[in-house]
Amino acid sequence: PRFDVALAVSHELAGFKVYEANWWHWRKPVI
């Protein structure tokens, strides 16, 4: 709660995932 990580990630990366509440994770699609 001290940081704005969640808000920033949600505004930049569509389809990201959260692992065990602490880690955010986004895989770049293969074209």
PDB file of all heavy atoms in Angstrom:
ATOM      1  N   PRO A   1       0.799  -1.231   0.000  1.00  0.00           N
ATOM      2  CA  PRO A   1       0.000   0.000   0.000  1.00  0.00           C
ATOM      3  C   PRO A   1       0.829   1.277   0.000  1.00  0.00           C
ATOM      4  O   PRO A   1       0.284   2.364  -0.250  1.00  0.00           O
ATOM      5  CB  PRO A   1      -0.831  -0.121   1.284  1.00  0.00           C
ATOM      6  CG  PRO A   1      -0.020  -1.014   2.178  1.00  0.00           C
ATOM      7  CD  PRO A   1       0.653  -1.992   1.259  1.00  0.00           C
ATOM      8  N   ARG A   2       2.113   1.165   0.260  1.00  0.00           N
ATOM      9  CA  ARG A   2       2.964   2.364   0.263  1.00  0.00           C
ATOM     10  C   ARG A   2       3.223   2.877  -1.154  1.00  0.00           C
ATOM     11  O   ARG A   2       3.620   4.034  -1.342  1.00  0.00           O
ATOM     12  CB  ARG A   2       4.300   2.067   0.931  1.00  0.00           C
ATOM     13  CG  ARG A   2       4.224   1.679   2.393  1.00  0.00           C
ATOM     14  CD  ARG A   2       5.596   1.262   2.890  1.00  0.00           C
ATOM     15  NE  ARG A   2       6.085   0.100   2.149  1.00  0.00           N
ATOM     16  CZ  ARG A   2       7.348  -0.349   2.214  1.00  0.00           C
ATOM     17  NH1 ARG A   2       8.241   0.302   2.940  1.00  0.00           N
ATOM     18  NH2 ARG A   2       7.699  -1.428   1.521  1.00  0.00           N
ATOM     19  N   PHE A   3       3.027   2.014  -2.143  1.00  0.00           N
ATOM     20  CA  PHE A   3       3.426   2.355  -3.504  1.00  0.00           C
ATOM     21  C   PHE A   3       2.231   2.322  -4.458  1.00  0.00           C
ATOM     22  O   PHE A   3       1.171   1.809  -4.132  1.00  0.00           O
ATOM     23  CB  PHE A   3       4.502   1.378  -3.996  1.00  0.00           C
ATOM     24  CG  PHE A   3       5.680   1.258  -3.070  1.00  0.00           C
ATOM     25  CD1 PHE A   3       6.065   0.022  -2.567  1.00  0.00           C
ATOM     26  CD2 PHE A   3       6.410   2.373  -2.694  1.00  0.00           C
ATOM     27  CE1 PHE A   3       7.152  -0.100  -1.715  1.00  0.00           C
ATOM     28  CE2 PHE A   3       7.496   2.272  -1.841  1.00  0.00           C
ATOM     29  CZ  PHE A   3       7.868   1.034  -1.348  1.00  0.00           C
ATOM     30  N   ASP A   4       2.472   2.841  -5.680  1.00  0.00           N
ATOM     31  CA  ASP A   4       1.441   2.883  -6.716  1.00  0.00           C
ATOM     32  C   ASP A   4       1.730   1.889  -7.832  1.00  0.00           C
ATOM     33  O   ASP A   4       1.357   2.109  -8.989  1.00  0.00           O
ATOM     34  CB  ASP A   4       1.345   4.293  -7.294  1.00  0.00           C
ATOM     35  CG  ASP A   4       0.879   5.313  -6.264  1.00  0.00           C
ATOM     36  OD1 ASP A   4      -0.014   4.976  -5.478  1.00  0.00           O
ATOM     37  OD2 ASP A   4       1.425   6.434  -6.256  1.00  0.00           O
ATOM     38  N   VAL A   5       2.397   0.800  -7.473  1.00  0.00           N
ATOM     39  CA  VAL A   5       2.786  -0.184  -8.481  1.00  0.00           C
ATOM     40  C   VAL A   5       1.564  -0.766  -9.181  1.00  0.00           C
ATOM     41  O   VAL A   5       1.507  -0.837 -10.413  1.00  0.00           O
ATOM     42  CB  VAL A   5       3.625  -1.311  -7.844  1.00  0.00           C
ATOM     43  CG1 VAL A   5       3.902  -2.418  -8.860  1.00  0.00           C
ATOM     44  CG2 VAL A   5       4.938  -0.757  -7.297  1.00  0.00           C
ATOM     45  N   ALA A   6       0.572  -1.197  -8.408  1.00  0.00           N
ATOM     46  CA  ALA A   6      -0.604  -1.862  -8.988  1.00  0.00           C
ATOM     47  C   ALA A   6      -1.328  -0.951  -9.979  1.00  0.00           C
ATOM     48  O   ALA A   6      -1.716  -1.383 -11.074  1.00  0.00           O
ATOM     49  CB  ALA A   6      -1.552  -2.311  -7.877  1.00  0.00           C
ATOM     50  N   LEU A   7      -1.509   0.304  -9.609  1.00  0.00           N
ATOM     51  CA  LEU A   7      -2.212   1.241 -10.476  1.00  0.00           C
ATOM     52  C   LEU A   7      -1.440   1.479 -11.757  1.00  0.00           C
ATOM     53  O   LEU A   7      -2.014   1.478 -12.866  1.00  0.00           O
ATOM     54  CB  LEU A   7      -2.444   2.558  -9.737  1.00  0.00           C
ATOM     55  CG  LEU A   7      -3.279   3.615 -10.459  1.00  0.00           C
ATOM     56  CD1 LEU A   7      -4.692   3.105 -10.716  1.00  0.00           C
ATOM     57  CD2 LEU A   7      -3.314   4.911  -9.654  1.00  0.00           C
ATOM     58  N   ALA A   8      -0.131   1.671 -11.641  1.00  0.00           N
ATOM     59  CA  ALA A   8       0.692   1.948 -12.821  1.00  0.00           C
ATOM     60  C   ALA A   8       0.705   0.758 -13.780  1.00  0.00           C
ATOM     61  O   ALA A   8       0.559   0.919 -14.994  1.00  0.00           O
ATOM     62  CB  ALA A   8       2.112   2.299 -12.393  1.00  0.00           C
ATOM     63  N   VAL A   9       0.876  -0.442 -13.243  1.00  0.00           N
ATOM     64  CA  VAL A   9       0.913  -1.638 -14.093  1.00  0.00           C
ATOM     65  C   VAL A   9      -0.424  -1.834 -14.799  1.00  0.00           C
ATOM     66  O   VAL A   9      -0.478  -2.140 -15.993  1.00  0.00           O
ATOM     67  CB  VAL A   9       1.284  -2.880 -13.260  1.00  0.00           C
ATOM     68  CG1 VAL A   9       1.139  -4.151 -14.087  1.00  0.00           C
ATOM     69  CG2 VAL A   9       2.709  -2.770 -12.724  1.00  0.00           C
ATOM     70  N   SER A  10      -1.527  -1.639 -14.069  1.00  0.00           N
ATOM     71  CA  SER A  10      -2.854  -1.838 -14.653  1.00  0.00           C
ATOM     72  C   SER A  10      -3.142  -0.836 -15.769  1.00  0.00           C
ATOM     73  O   SER A  10      -3.905  -1.132 -16.691  1.00  0.00           O
ATOM     74  CB  SER A  10      -3.934  -1.735 -13.576  1.00  0.00           C
ATOM     75  OG  SER A  10      -4.004  -0.420 -13.033  1.00  0.00           O
ATOM     76  N   HIS A  11      -2.498   0.336 -15.723  1.00  0.00           N
ATOM     77  CA  HIS A  11      -2.705   1.343 -16.757  1.00  0.00           C
ATOM     78  C   HIS A  11      -1.808   1.141 -17.973  1.00  0.00           C
ATOM     79  O   HIS A  11      -2.054   1.727 -19.028  1.00  0.00           O
ATOM     80  CB  HIS A  11      -2.464   2.742 -16.187  1.00  0.00           C
ATOM     81  CG  HIS A  11      -3.589   3.227 -15.327  1.00  0.00           C
ATOM     82  ND1 HIS A  11      -3.538   4.410 -14.627  1.00  0.00           N
ATOM     83  CD2 HIS A  11      -4.798   2.684 -15.046  1.00  0.00           C
ATOM     84  CE1 HIS A  11      -4.662   4.579 -13.951  1.00  0.00           C
ATOM     85  NE2 HIS A  11      -5.435   3.545 -14.192  1.00  0.00           N
ATOM     86  N   GLU A  12      -0.761   0.324 -17.824  1.00  0.00           N
ATOM     87  CA  GLU A  12       0.207   0.163 -18.908  1.00  0.00           C
ATOM     88  C   GLU A  12       0.150  -1.191 -19.608  1.00  0.00           C
ATOM     89  O   GLU A  12       0.448  -1.280 -20.798  1.00  0.00           O
ATOM     90  CB  GLU A  12       1.636   0.389 -18.376  1.00  0.00           C
ATOM     91  CG  GLU A  12       1.961   1.831 -18.055  1.00  0.00           C
ATOM     92  CD  GLU A  12       1.900   2.733 -19.270  1.00  0.00           C
ATOM     93  OE1 GLU A  12       2.341   2.321 -20.365  1.00  0.00           O
ATOM     94  OE2 GLU A  12       1.396   3.859 -19.134  1.00  0.00           O
ATOM     95  N   LEU A  13      -0.193  -2.247 -18.882  1.00  0.00           N
ATOM     96  CA  LEU A  13      -0.064  -3.593 -19.441  1.00  0.00           C
ATOM     97  C   LEU A  13      -1.390  -4.346 -19.367  1.00  0.00           C
ATOM     98  O   LEU A  13      -1.789  -4.813 -18.295  1.00  0.00           O
ATOM     99  CB  LEU A  13       1.019  -4.371 -18.682  1.00  0.00           C
ATOM    100  CG  LEU A  13       2.434  -3.791 -18.750  1.00  0.00           C
ATOM    101  CD1 LEU A  13       3.363  -4.558 -17.831  1.00  0.00           C
ATOM    102  CD2 LEU A  13       2.961  -3.816 -20.188  1.00  0.00           C
ATOM    103  N   ALA A  14      -2.049  -4.475 -20.482  1.00  0.00           N
ATOM    104  CA  ALA A  14      -3.293  -5.241 -20.521  1.00  0.00           C
ATOM    105  C   ALA A  14      -2.984  -6.727 -20.444  1.00  0.00           C
ATOM    106  O   ALA A  14      -2.064  -7.221 -21.103  1.00  0.00           O
ATOM    107  CB  ALA A  14      -4.050  -4.934 -21.807  1.00  0.00           C
ATOM    108  N   GLY A  15      -3.734  -7.437 -19.620  1.00  0.00           N
ATOM    109  CA  GLY A  15      -3.570  -8.880 -19.538  1.00  0.00           C
ATOM    110  C   GLY A  15      -2.462  -9.344 -18.610  1.00  0.00           C
ATOM    111  O   GLY A  15      -2.062 -10.508 -18.666  1.00  0.00           O
ATOM    112  N   PHE A  16      -1.953  -8.462 -17.762  1.00  0.00           N
ATOM    113  CA  PHE A  16      -0.918  -8.896 -16.812  1.00  0.00           C
ATOM    114  C   PHE A  16      -1.538  -9.833 -15.776  1.00  0.00           C
ATOM    115  O   PHE A  16      -2.751  -9.857 -15.558  1.00  0.00           O
ATOM    116  CB  PHE A  16      -0.266  -7.691 -16.123  1.00  0.00           C
ATOM    117  CG  PHE A  16      -1.154  -7.000 -15.122  1.00  0.00           C
ATOM    118  CD1 PHE A  16      -1.133  -7.362 -13.785  1.00  0.00           C
ATOM    119  CD2 PHE A  16      -2.009  -5.973 -15.516  1.00  0.00           C
ATOM    120  CE1 PHE A  16      -1.951  -6.729 -12.855  1.00  0.00           C
ATOM    121  CE2 PHE A  16      -2.829  -5.341 -14.602  1.00  0.00           C
ATOM    122  CZ  PHE A  16      -2.806  -5.719 -13.273  1.00  0.00           C
ATOM    123  N   LYS A  17      -0.687 -10.615 -15.122  1.00  0.00           N
ATOM    124  CA  LYS A  17      -1.140 -11.538 -14.090  1.00  0.00           C
ATOM    125  C   LYS A  17      -0.439 -11.217 -12.776  1.00  0.00           C
ATOM    126  O   LYS A  17       0.642 -10.616 -12.758  1.00  0.00           O
ATOM    127  CB  LYS A  17      -0.850 -12.986 -14.499  1.00  0.00           C
ATOM    128  CG  LYS A  17      -1.601 -13.420 -15.750  1.00  0.00           C
ATOM    129  CD  LYS A  17      -1.303 -14.862 -16.112  1.00  0.00           C
ATOM    130  CE  LYS A  17      -2.068 -15.285 -17.365  1.00  0.00           C
ATOM    131  NZ  LYS A  17      -1.784 -16.692 -17.748  1.00  0.00           N
ATOM    132  N   VAL A  18      -1.047 -11.613 -11.683  1.00  0.00           N
ATOM    133  CA  VAL A  18      -0.477 -11.402 -10.349  1.00  0.00           C
ATOM    134  C   VAL A  18      -0.230 -12.768  -9.717  1.00  0.00           C
ATOM    135  O   VAL A  18      -1.104 -13.636  -9.739  1.00  0.00           O
ATOM    136  CB  VAL A  18      -1.412 -10.568  -9.454  1.00  0.00           C
ATOM    137  CG1 VAL A  18      -0.805 -10.378  -8.078  1.00  0.00           C
ATOM    138  CG2 VAL A  18      -1.697  -9.219 -10.110  1.00  0.00           C
ATOM    139  N   TYR A  19       0.976 -12.932  -9.183  1.00  0.00           N
ATOM    140  CA  TYR A  19       1.373 -14.201  -8.578  1.00  0.00           C
ATOM    141  C   TYR A  19       1.526 -14.022  -7.074  1.00  0.00           C
ATOM    142  O   TYR A  19       2.332 -13.193  -6.628  1.00  0.00           O
ATOM    143  CB  TYR A  19       2.689 -14.677  -9.202  1.00  0.00           C
ATOM    144  CG  TYR A  19       3.090 -16.076  -8.828  1.00  0.00           C
ATOM    145  CD1 TYR A  19       2.668 -17.171  -9.591  1.00  0.00           C
ATOM    146  CD2 TYR A  19       3.888 -16.320  -7.720  1.00  0.00           C
ATOM    147  CE1 TYR A  19       3.039 -18.462  -9.249  1.00  0.00           C
ATOM    148  CE2 TYR A  19       4.258 -17.606  -7.376  1.00  0.00           C
ATOM    149  CZ  TYR A  19       3.832 -18.669  -8.148  1.00  0.00           C
ATOM    150  OH  TYR A  19       4.205 -19.953  -7.809  1.00  0.00           O
ATOM    151  N   GLU A  20       0.768 -14.785  -6.310  1.00  0.00           N
ATOM    152  CA  GLU A  20       0.844 -14.749  -4.845  1.00  0.00           C
ATOM    153  C   GLU A  20       0.736 -13.322  -4.292  1.00  0.00           C
ATOM    154  O   GLU A  20       1.425 -12.968  -3.339  1.00  0.00           O
ATOM    155  CB  GLU A  20       2.149 -15.404  -4.366  1.00  0.00           C
ATOM    156  CG  GLU A  20       2.252 -16.889  -4.648  1.00  0.00           C
ATOM    157  CD  GLU A  20       1.285 -17.715  -3.823  1.00  0.00           C
ATOM    158  OE1 GLU A  20       0.894 -17.244  -2.736  1.00  0.00           O
ATOM    159  OE2 GLU A  20       0.918 -18.815  -4.267  1.00  0.00           O
ATOM    160  N   ALA A  21      -0.093 -12.514  -4.906  1.00  0.00           N
ATOM    161  CA  ALA A  21      -0.435 -11.153  -4.462  1.00  0.00           C
ATOM    162  C   ALA A  21       0.703 -10.144  -4.611  1.00  0.00           C
ATOM    163  O   ALA A  21       0.460  -8.949  -4.726  1.00  0.00           O
ATOM    164  CB  ALA A  21      -0.928 -11.150  -3.015  1.00  0.00           C
ATOM    165  N   ASN A  22       1.954 -10.591  -4.655  1.00  0.00           N
ATOM    166  CA  ASN A  22       3.082  -9.658  -4.606  1.00  0.00           C
ATOM    167  C   ASN A  22       3.726  -9.402  -5.959  1.00  0.00           C
ATOM    168  O   ASN A  22       4.164  -8.291  -6.244  1.00  0.00           O
ATOM    169  CB  ASN A  22       4.146 -10.175  -3.639  1.00  0.00           C
ATOM    170  CG  ASN A  22       5.284  -9.189  -3.449  1.00  0.00           C
ATOM    171  OD1 ASN A  22       5.060  -8.052  -3.052  1.00  0.00           O
ATOM    172  ND2 ASN A  22       6.510  -9.614  -3.721  1.00  0.00           N
ATOM    173  N   TRP A  23       3.801 -10.413  -6.819  1.00  0.00           N
ATOM    174  CA  TRP A  23       4.505 -10.288  -8.093  1.00  0.00           C
ATOM    175  C   TRP A  23       3.530  -9.998  -9.223  1.00  0.00           C
ATOM    176  O   TRP A  23       2.512 -10.668  -9.354  1.00  0.00           O
ATOM    177  CB  TRP A  23       5.248 -11.581  -8.428  1.00  0.00           C
ATOM    178  CG  TRP A  23       6.318 -11.954  -7.460  1.00  0.00           C
ATOM    179  CD1 TRP A  23       6.184 -12.687  -6.319  1.00  0.00           C
ATOM    180  CD2 TRP A  23       7.696 -11.607  -7.544  1.00  0.00           C
ATOM    181  NE1 TRP A  23       7.397 -12.822  -5.694  1.00  0.00           N
ATOM    182  CE2 TRP A  23       8.342 -12.169  -6.416  1.00  0.00           C
ATOM    183  CE3 TRP A  23       8.450 -10.877  -8.469  1.00  0.00           C
ATOM    184  CZ2 TRP A  23       9.707 -12.017  -6.192  1.00  0.00           C
ATOM    185  CZ3 TRP A  23       9.810 -10.731  -8.243  1.00  0.00           C
ATOM    186  CH2 TRP A  23      10.421 -11.298  -7.112  1.00  0.00           C
ATOM    187  N   TRP A  24       3.847  -9.030 -10.067  1.00  0.00           N
ATOM    188  CA  TRP A  24       3.099  -8.851 -11.309  1.00  0.00           C
ATOM    189  C   TRP A  24       3.946  -9.371 -12.459  1.00  0.00           C
ATOM    190  O   TRP A  24       5.174  -9.370 -12.400  1.00  0.00           O
ATOM    191  CB  TRP A  24       2.683  -7.395 -11.519  1.00  0.00           C
ATOM    192  CG  TRP A  24       3.807  -6.406 -11.639  1.00  0.00           C
ATOM    193  CD1 TRP A  24       4.386  -5.688 -10.638  1.00  0.00           C
ATOM    194  CD2 TRP A  24       4.473  -6.011 -12.852  1.00  0.00           C
ATOM    195  NE1 TRP A  24       5.368  -4.874 -11.137  1.00  0.00           N
ATOM    196  CE2 TRP A  24       5.445  -5.052 -12.488  1.00  0.00           C
ATOM    197  CE3 TRP A  24       4.339  -6.368 -14.190  1.00  0.00           C
ATOM    198  CZ2 TRP A  24       6.291  -4.449 -13.423  1.00  0.00           C
ATOM    199  CZ3 TRP A  24       5.172  -5.775 -15.134  1.00  0.00           C
ATOM    200  CH2 TRP A  24       6.128  -4.821 -14.728  1.00  0.00           C
ATOM    201  N   HIS A  25       3.264  -9.799 -13.522  1.00  0.00           N
ATOM    202  CA  HIS A  25       3.925 -10.601 -14.543  1.00  0.00           C
ATOM    203  C   HIS A  25       3.201 -10.394 -15.860  1.00  0.00           C
ATOM    204  O   HIS A  25       1.974 -10.521 -15.927  1.00  0.00           O
ATOM    205  CB  HIS A  25       3.836 -12.068 -14.069  1.00  0.00           C
ATOM    206  CG  HIS A  25       4.233 -13.096 -15.066  1.00  0.00           C
ATOM    207  ND1 HIS A  25       5.288 -13.952 -14.847  1.00  0.00           N
ATOM    208  CD2 HIS A  25       3.700 -13.473 -16.262  1.00  0.00           C
ATOM    209  CE1 HIS A  25       5.393 -14.795 -15.862  1.00  0.00           C
ATOM    210  NE2 HIS A  25       4.436 -14.525 -16.729  1.00  0.00           N
ATOM    211  N   TRP A  26       3.940 -10.058 -16.917  1.00  0.00           N
ATOM    212  CA  TRP A  26       3.328  -9.862 -18.225  1.00  0.00           C
ATOM    213  C   TRP A  26       4.230 -10.464 -19.298  1.00  0.00           C
ATOM    214  O   TRP A  26       5.430 -10.177 -19.339  1.00  0.00           O
ATOM    215  CB  TRP A  26       3.129  -8.376 -18.502  1.00  0.00           C
ATOM    216  CG  TRP A  26       2.450  -8.067 -19.806  1.00  0.00           C
ATOM    217  CD1 TRP A  26       1.104  -8.096 -20.061  1.00  0.00           C
ATOM    218  CD2 TRP A  26       3.078  -7.666 -21.037  1.00  0.00           C
ATOM    219  NE1 TRP A  26       0.854  -7.746 -21.363  1.00  0.00           N
ATOM    220  CE2 TRP A  26       2.044  -7.477 -21.988  1.00  0.00           C
ATOM    221  CE3 TRP A  26       4.398  -7.459 -21.423  1.00  0.00           C
ATOM    222  CZ2 TRP A  26       2.295  -7.080 -23.293  1.00  0.00           C
ATOM    223  CZ3 TRP A  26       4.660  -7.073 -22.722  1.00  0.00           C
ATOM    224  CH2 TRP A  26       3.621  -6.883 -23.640  1.00  0.00           C
ATOM    225  N   ARG A  27       3.654 -11.326 -20.121  1.00  0.00           N
ATOM    226  CA  ARG A  27       4.426 -11.955 -21.206  1.00  0.00           C
ATOM    227  C   ARG A  27       4.066 -11.297 -22.540  1.00  0.00           C
ATOM    228  O   ARG A  27       2.902 -11.176 -22.887  1.00  0.00           O
ATOM    229  CB  ARG A  27       4.143 -13.452 -21.269  1.00  0.00           C
ATOM    230  CG  ARG A  27       5.085 -14.196 -22.235  1.00  0.00           C
ATOM    231  CD  ARG A  27       4.821 -15.687 -22.227  1.00  0.00           C
ATOM    232  NE  ARG A  27       5.220 -16.309 -20.973  1.00  0.00           N
ATOM    233  CZ  ARG A  27       6.431 -16.761 -20.706  1.00  0.00           C
ATOM    234  NH1 ARG A  27       7.406 -16.625 -21.601  1.00  0.00           N
ATOM    235  NH2 ARG A  27       6.690 -17.337 -19.546  1.00  0.00           N
ATOM    236  N   LYS A  28       5.084 -10.871 -23.259  1.00  0.00           N
ATOM    237  CA  LYS A  28       4.868 -10.201 -24.539  1.00  0.00           C
ATOM    238  C   LYS A  28       4.385 -11.204 -25.585  1.00  0.00           C
ATOM    239  O   LYS A  28       4.998 -12.269 -25.768  1.00  0.00           O
ATOM    240  CB  LYS A  28       6.170  -9.543 -25.008  1.00  0.00           C
ATOM    241  CG  LYS A  28       5.998  -8.620 -26.209  1.00  0.00           C
ATOM    242  CD  LYS A  28       7.294  -7.842 -26.468  1.00  0.00           C
ATOM    243  CE  LYS A  28       7.118  -6.803 -27.543  1.00  0.00           C
ATOM    244  NZ  LYS A  28       8.355  -5.991 -27.729  1.00  0.00           N
ATOM    245  N   PRO A  29       3.293 -10.897 -26.246  1.00  0.00           N
ATOM    246  CA  PRO A  29       2.762 -11.834 -27.239  1.00  0.00           C
ATOM    247  C   PRO A  29       3.749 -12.112 -28.369  1.00  0.00           C
ATOM    248  O   PRO A  29       4.554 -11.246 -28.748  1.00  0.00           O
ATOM    249  CB  PRO A  29       1.521 -11.120 -27.776  1.00  0.00           C
ATOM    250  CG  PRO A  29       1.166 -10.124 -26.726  1.00  0.00           C
ATOM    251  CD  PRO A  29       2.457  -9.699 -26.102  1.00  0.00           C
ATOM    252  N   VAL A  30       3.703 -13.324 -28.876  1.00  0.00           N
ATOM    253  CA  VAL A  30       4.499 -13.698 -30.052  1.00  0.00           C
ATOM    254  C   VAL A  30       3.632 -13.458 -31.281  1.00  0.00           C
ATOM    255  O   VAL A  30       2.517 -13.962 -31.381  1.00  0.00           O
ATOM    256  CB  VAL A  30       4.918 -15.183 -29.992  1.00  0.00           C
ATOM    257  CG1 VAL A  30       5.643 -15.577 -31.276  1.00  0.00           C
ATOM    258  CG2 VAL A  30       5.794 -15.433 -28.773  1.00  0.00           C
ATOM    259  N   ILE A  31       4.136 -12.650 -32.181  1.00  0.00           N
ATOM    260  CA  ILE A  31       3.398 -12.335 -33.406  1.00  0.00           C
ATOM    261  C   ILE A  31       3.638 -13.432 -34.433  1.00  0.00           C
ATOM    262  O   ILE A  31       4.770 -13.705 -34.830  1.00  0.00           O
ATOM    263  CB  ILE A  31       3.828 -10.973 -33.969  1.00  0.00           C
ATOM    264  CG1 ILE A  31       3.561  -9.854 -32.954  1.00  0.00           C
ATOM    265  CG2 ILE A  31       3.104 -10.680 -35.281  1.00  0.00           C
ATOM    266  CD1 ILE A  31       4.058  -8.499 -33.371  1.00  0.00           C
TER     267      ILE A  31
END
